[in-house]
């Protein structure tokens, strides 16, 4: 399992939402499982919608720090993965 962005967020507004897409085909072909964690599930959803799918070896998650951020789980559940 490869945990991406353990000290950052690949879906931050300072990056284009699709900046990782060129890497997805190689990641998808690999035997590894990739764990994506974000505080921005809407941007994550936009990225994978643009890519056309969530590869089978990608696991998506969100950070929840308390009741005020629990809505991130609802946003994550909207991503067809």
N, C-alpha and C. Protein backbone atom coordinates (compact mmCIF):
# COMPACT_ATOMS: atom_id res chain seq x y z
N UNK A 1 0.86 -1.17 0.00
CA UNK A 1 0.00 0.00 0.00
C UNK A 1 0.90 1.23 0.00
N UNK A 2 0.62 2.14 -0.91
CA UNK A 2 1.38 3.38 -1.00
C UNK A 2 0.45 4.52 -0.61
N UNK A 3 0.81 5.21 0.46
CA UNK A 3 0.02 6.32 0.99
C UNK A 3 0.54 7.61 0.37
N UNK A 4 -0.28 8.21 -0.47
CA UNK A 4 0.12 9.44 -1.15
C UNK A 4 -0.20 10.65 -0.28
N UNK A 5 0.67 11.62 -0.31
CA UNK A 5 0.43 12.90 0.35
C UNK A 5 0.21 12.78 1.85
N UNK A 6 1.05 12.01 2.52
CA UNK A 6 0.89 11.88 3.97
C UNK A 6 1.19 13.19 4.70
N UNK A 7 1.90 14.09 4.06
CA UNK A 7 2.21 15.38 4.68
C UNK A 7 1.66 16.54 3.86
N UNK A 8 0.70 16.27 3.02
CA UNK A 8 0.13 17.31 2.17
C UNK A 8 -1.23 16.89 1.66
N UNK A 9 -1.72 17.60 0.67
CA UNK A 9 -3.01 17.29 0.07
C UNK A 9 -2.89 17.53 -1.42
N UNK A 10 -2.95 16.46 -2.20
CA UNK A 10 -2.82 16.56 -3.65
C UNK A 10 -3.98 17.27 -4.32
N UNK A 11 -5.01 17.56 -3.57
CA UNK A 11 -6.18 18.24 -4.12
C UNK A 11 -6.33 19.66 -3.60
N UNK A 12 -5.24 20.23 -3.11
CA UNK A 12 -5.26 21.61 -2.64
C UNK A 12 -5.52 22.56 -3.80
N UNK A 13 -6.09 23.71 -3.49
CA UNK A 13 -6.43 24.68 -4.52
C UNK A 13 -5.20 25.29 -5.19
N UNK A 14 -4.03 25.15 -4.60
CA UNK A 14 -2.82 25.73 -5.20
C UNK A 14 -2.29 24.88 -6.37
N UNK A 15 -2.89 23.71 -6.59
CA UNK A 15 -2.50 22.84 -7.71
C UNK A 15 -3.67 22.69 -8.66
N UNK A 16 -3.42 22.50 -9.95
CA UNK A 16 -4.53 22.17 -10.86
C UNK A 16 -5.17 20.87 -10.39
N UNK A 17 -6.49 20.76 -10.48
CA UNK A 17 -7.16 19.58 -9.94
C UNK A 17 -6.71 18.30 -10.61
N UNK A 18 -6.21 18.37 -11.84
CA UNK A 18 -5.85 17.17 -12.59
C UNK A 18 -4.33 16.96 -12.71
N UNK A 19 -3.55 17.55 -11.84
CA UNK A 19 -2.10 17.49 -11.98
C UNK A 19 -1.55 16.07 -11.86
N UNK A 20 -2.25 15.18 -11.16
CA UNK A 20 -1.76 13.80 -11.00
C UNK A 20 -2.20 12.88 -12.14
N UNK A 21 -3.14 13.30 -12.95
CA UNK A 21 -3.68 12.42 -13.98
C UNK A 21 -2.64 11.79 -14.91
N UNK A 22 -1.57 12.49 -15.30
CA UNK A 22 -0.59 11.84 -16.16
C UNK A 22 0.07 10.61 -15.52
N UNK A 23 0.05 10.53 -14.19
CA UNK A 23 0.65 9.40 -13.48
C UNK A 23 -0.32 8.23 -13.30
N UNK A 24 -1.62 8.48 -13.42
CA UNK A 24 -2.62 7.45 -13.14
C UNK A 24 -2.47 6.19 -14.00
N UNK A 25 -2.22 6.27 -15.30
CA UNK A 25 -2.11 5.03 -16.08
C UNK A 25 -1.03 4.08 -15.56
N UNK A 26 0.13 4.60 -15.23
CA UNK A 26 1.20 3.74 -14.70
C UNK A 26 0.85 3.22 -13.33
N UNK A 27 0.24 4.07 -12.50
CA UNK A 27 -0.17 3.63 -11.16
C UNK A 27 -1.22 2.53 -11.27
N UNK A 28 -2.13 2.68 -12.20
CA UNK A 28 -3.21 1.72 -12.40
C UNK A 28 -2.67 0.35 -12.81
N UNK A 29 -1.59 0.35 -13.59
CA UNK A 29 -1.00 -0.91 -14.06
C UNK A 29 -0.14 -1.61 -13.00
N UNK A 30 0.20 -0.91 -11.95
CA UNK A 30 1.11 -1.47 -10.96
C UNK A 30 0.38 -2.43 -10.02
N UNK A 31 1.12 -3.28 -9.32
CA UNK A 31 0.50 -4.22 -8.38
C UNK A 31 0.16 -3.58 -7.03
N UNK A 32 0.45 -2.31 -6.88
CA UNK A 32 0.27 -1.64 -5.60
C UNK A 32 -1.16 -1.11 -5.42
N UNK A 33 -1.51 -0.88 -4.18
CA UNK A 33 -2.74 -0.17 -3.83
C UNK A 33 -2.32 1.23 -3.42
N UNK A 34 -3.00 2.23 -3.97
CA UNK A 34 -2.68 3.62 -3.68
C UNK A 34 -3.78 4.21 -2.80
N UNK A 35 -3.37 4.78 -1.69
CA UNK A 35 -4.29 5.39 -0.75
C UNK A 35 -4.22 6.91 -0.90
N UNK A 36 -5.34 7.50 -1.29
CA UNK A 36 -5.45 8.95 -1.46
C UNK A 36 -6.24 9.50 -0.27
N UNK A 37 -5.71 10.50 0.39
CA UNK A 37 -6.40 11.13 1.51
C UNK A 37 -6.45 12.62 1.25
N UNK A 38 -7.63 13.23 1.45
CA UNK A 38 -7.80 14.65 1.17
C UNK A 38 -8.75 15.30 2.17
N UNK A 39 -8.66 16.60 2.23
CA UNK A 39 -9.64 17.41 2.95
C UNK A 39 -10.59 18.07 1.94
N UNK A 40 -10.38 17.78 0.66
CA UNK A 40 -11.12 18.42 -0.42
C UNK A 40 -11.77 17.37 -1.33
N UNK A 41 -12.77 16.66 -0.83
CA UNK A 41 -13.36 15.59 -1.64
C UNK A 41 -14.04 16.08 -2.91
N UNK A 42 -14.49 17.32 -2.95
CA UNK A 42 -15.11 17.83 -4.18
C UNK A 42 -14.09 17.95 -5.29
N UNK A 43 -12.89 18.41 -4.96
CA UNK A 43 -11.83 18.49 -5.97
C UNK A 43 -11.38 17.10 -6.39
N UNK A 44 -11.34 16.17 -5.45
CA UNK A 44 -11.01 14.79 -5.77
C UNK A 44 -12.05 14.23 -6.75
N UNK A 45 -13.31 14.47 -6.46
CA UNK A 45 -14.38 14.00 -7.34
C UNK A 45 -14.26 14.59 -8.73
N UNK A 46 -13.95 15.87 -8.80
CA UNK A 46 -13.78 16.55 -10.10
C UNK A 46 -12.63 15.92 -10.89
N UNK A 47 -11.55 15.61 -10.20
CA UNK A 47 -10.39 15.00 -10.84
C UNK A 47 -10.73 13.64 -11.44
N UNK A 48 -11.34 12.78 -10.65
CA UNK A 48 -11.64 11.44 -11.16
C UNK A 48 -12.77 11.45 -12.18
N UNK A 49 -13.69 12.39 -12.07
CA UNK A 49 -14.72 12.51 -13.11
C UNK A 49 -14.07 12.89 -14.43
N UNK A 50 -13.12 13.82 -14.38
CA UNK A 50 -12.40 14.23 -15.57
C UNK A 50 -11.57 13.07 -16.14
N UNK A 51 -10.97 12.28 -15.27
CA UNK A 51 -10.17 11.13 -15.70
C UNK A 51 -11.05 10.04 -16.30
N UNK A 52 -12.29 9.96 -15.85
CA UNK A 52 -13.22 9.00 -16.40
C UNK A 52 -13.53 7.81 -15.52
N UNK A 53 -12.74 7.63 -14.48
CA UNK A 53 -12.95 6.50 -13.56
C UNK A 53 -11.99 6.62 -12.37
N UNK A 54 -12.27 5.80 -11.38
CA UNK A 54 -11.32 5.62 -10.27
C UNK A 54 -10.74 4.22 -10.47
N UNK A 55 -9.45 4.11 -10.73
CA UNK A 55 -8.86 2.78 -10.92
C UNK A 55 -9.13 1.85 -9.73
N UNK A 56 -9.22 0.57 -10.02
CA UNK A 56 -9.59 -0.43 -9.01
C UNK A 56 -8.59 -0.52 -7.85
N UNK A 57 -7.34 -0.15 -8.09
CA UNK A 57 -6.34 -0.23 -7.03
C UNK A 57 -6.13 1.10 -6.30
N UNK A 58 -7.05 2.03 -6.45
CA UNK A 58 -7.02 3.30 -5.73
C UNK A 58 -8.02 3.25 -4.59
N UNK A 59 -7.63 3.67 -3.41
CA UNK A 59 -8.51 3.77 -2.25
C UNK A 59 -8.60 5.23 -1.87
N UNK A 60 -9.80 5.73 -1.76
CA UNK A 60 -10.02 7.16 -1.50
C UNK A 60 -10.50 7.36 -0.07
N UNK A 61 -10.02 8.42 0.55
CA UNK A 61 -10.43 8.74 1.91
C UNK A 61 -10.40 10.23 2.16
N UNK A 62 -11.05 10.63 3.23
CA UNK A 62 -11.08 12.03 3.64
C UNK A 62 -10.67 12.16 5.09
N UNK A 63 -10.15 13.33 5.43
CA UNK A 63 -9.81 13.65 6.81
C UNK A 63 -11.04 14.23 7.49
N UNK A 64 -11.38 13.67 8.64
CA UNK A 64 -12.48 14.20 9.45
C UNK A 64 -11.90 14.49 10.82
N UNK A 65 -11.97 15.76 11.21
CA UNK A 65 -11.38 16.17 12.49
C UNK A 65 -12.42 16.42 13.57
N UNK A 66 -13.69 16.39 13.20
CA UNK A 66 -14.76 16.62 14.17
C UNK A 66 -16.08 16.77 13.45
N UNK A 67 -17.14 17.07 14.21
CA UNK A 67 -18.47 17.19 13.60
C UNK A 67 -18.54 18.22 12.47
N UNK A 68 -17.74 19.26 12.55
CA UNK A 68 -17.80 20.31 11.53
C UNK A 68 -17.24 19.87 10.18
N UNK A 69 -16.49 18.79 10.13
CA UNK A 69 -15.94 18.30 8.87
C UNK A 69 -16.51 16.94 8.47
N UNK A 70 -17.51 16.48 9.17
CA UNK A 70 -18.13 15.18 8.87
C UNK A 70 -18.76 15.15 7.48
N UNK A 71 -19.17 16.31 6.97
CA UNK A 71 -19.78 16.37 5.63
C UNK A 71 -18.82 15.90 4.54
N UNK A 72 -17.54 15.87 4.82
CA UNK A 72 -16.57 15.38 3.83
C UNK A 72 -16.83 13.92 3.48
N UNK A 73 -17.32 13.15 4.44
CA UNK A 73 -17.63 11.74 4.17
C UNK A 73 -18.76 11.66 3.16
N UNK A 74 -19.77 12.50 3.31
CA UNK A 74 -20.89 12.51 2.36
C UNK A 74 -20.41 12.84 0.96
N UNK A 75 -19.50 13.80 0.85
CA UNK A 75 -18.94 14.15 -0.46
C UNK A 75 -18.12 13.00 -1.04
N UNK A 76 -17.36 12.32 -0.19
CA UNK A 76 -16.56 11.18 -0.65
C UNK A 76 -17.46 10.07 -1.19
N UNK A 77 -18.57 9.83 -0.53
CA UNK A 77 -19.47 8.75 -0.95
C UNK A 77 -20.11 9.00 -2.32
N UNK A 78 -20.04 10.22 -2.80
CA UNK A 78 -20.58 10.55 -4.13
C UNK A 78 -19.64 10.13 -5.26
N UNK A 79 -18.39 9.80 -4.92
CA UNK A 79 -17.41 9.41 -5.93
C UNK A 79 -17.61 7.93 -6.24
N UNK A 80 -17.89 7.57 -7.48
CA UNK A 80 -18.11 6.16 -7.82
C UNK A 80 -16.80 5.38 -7.85
N UNK A 81 -16.43 4.87 -6.70
CA UNK A 81 -15.18 4.13 -6.57
C UNK A 81 -15.43 2.81 -5.85
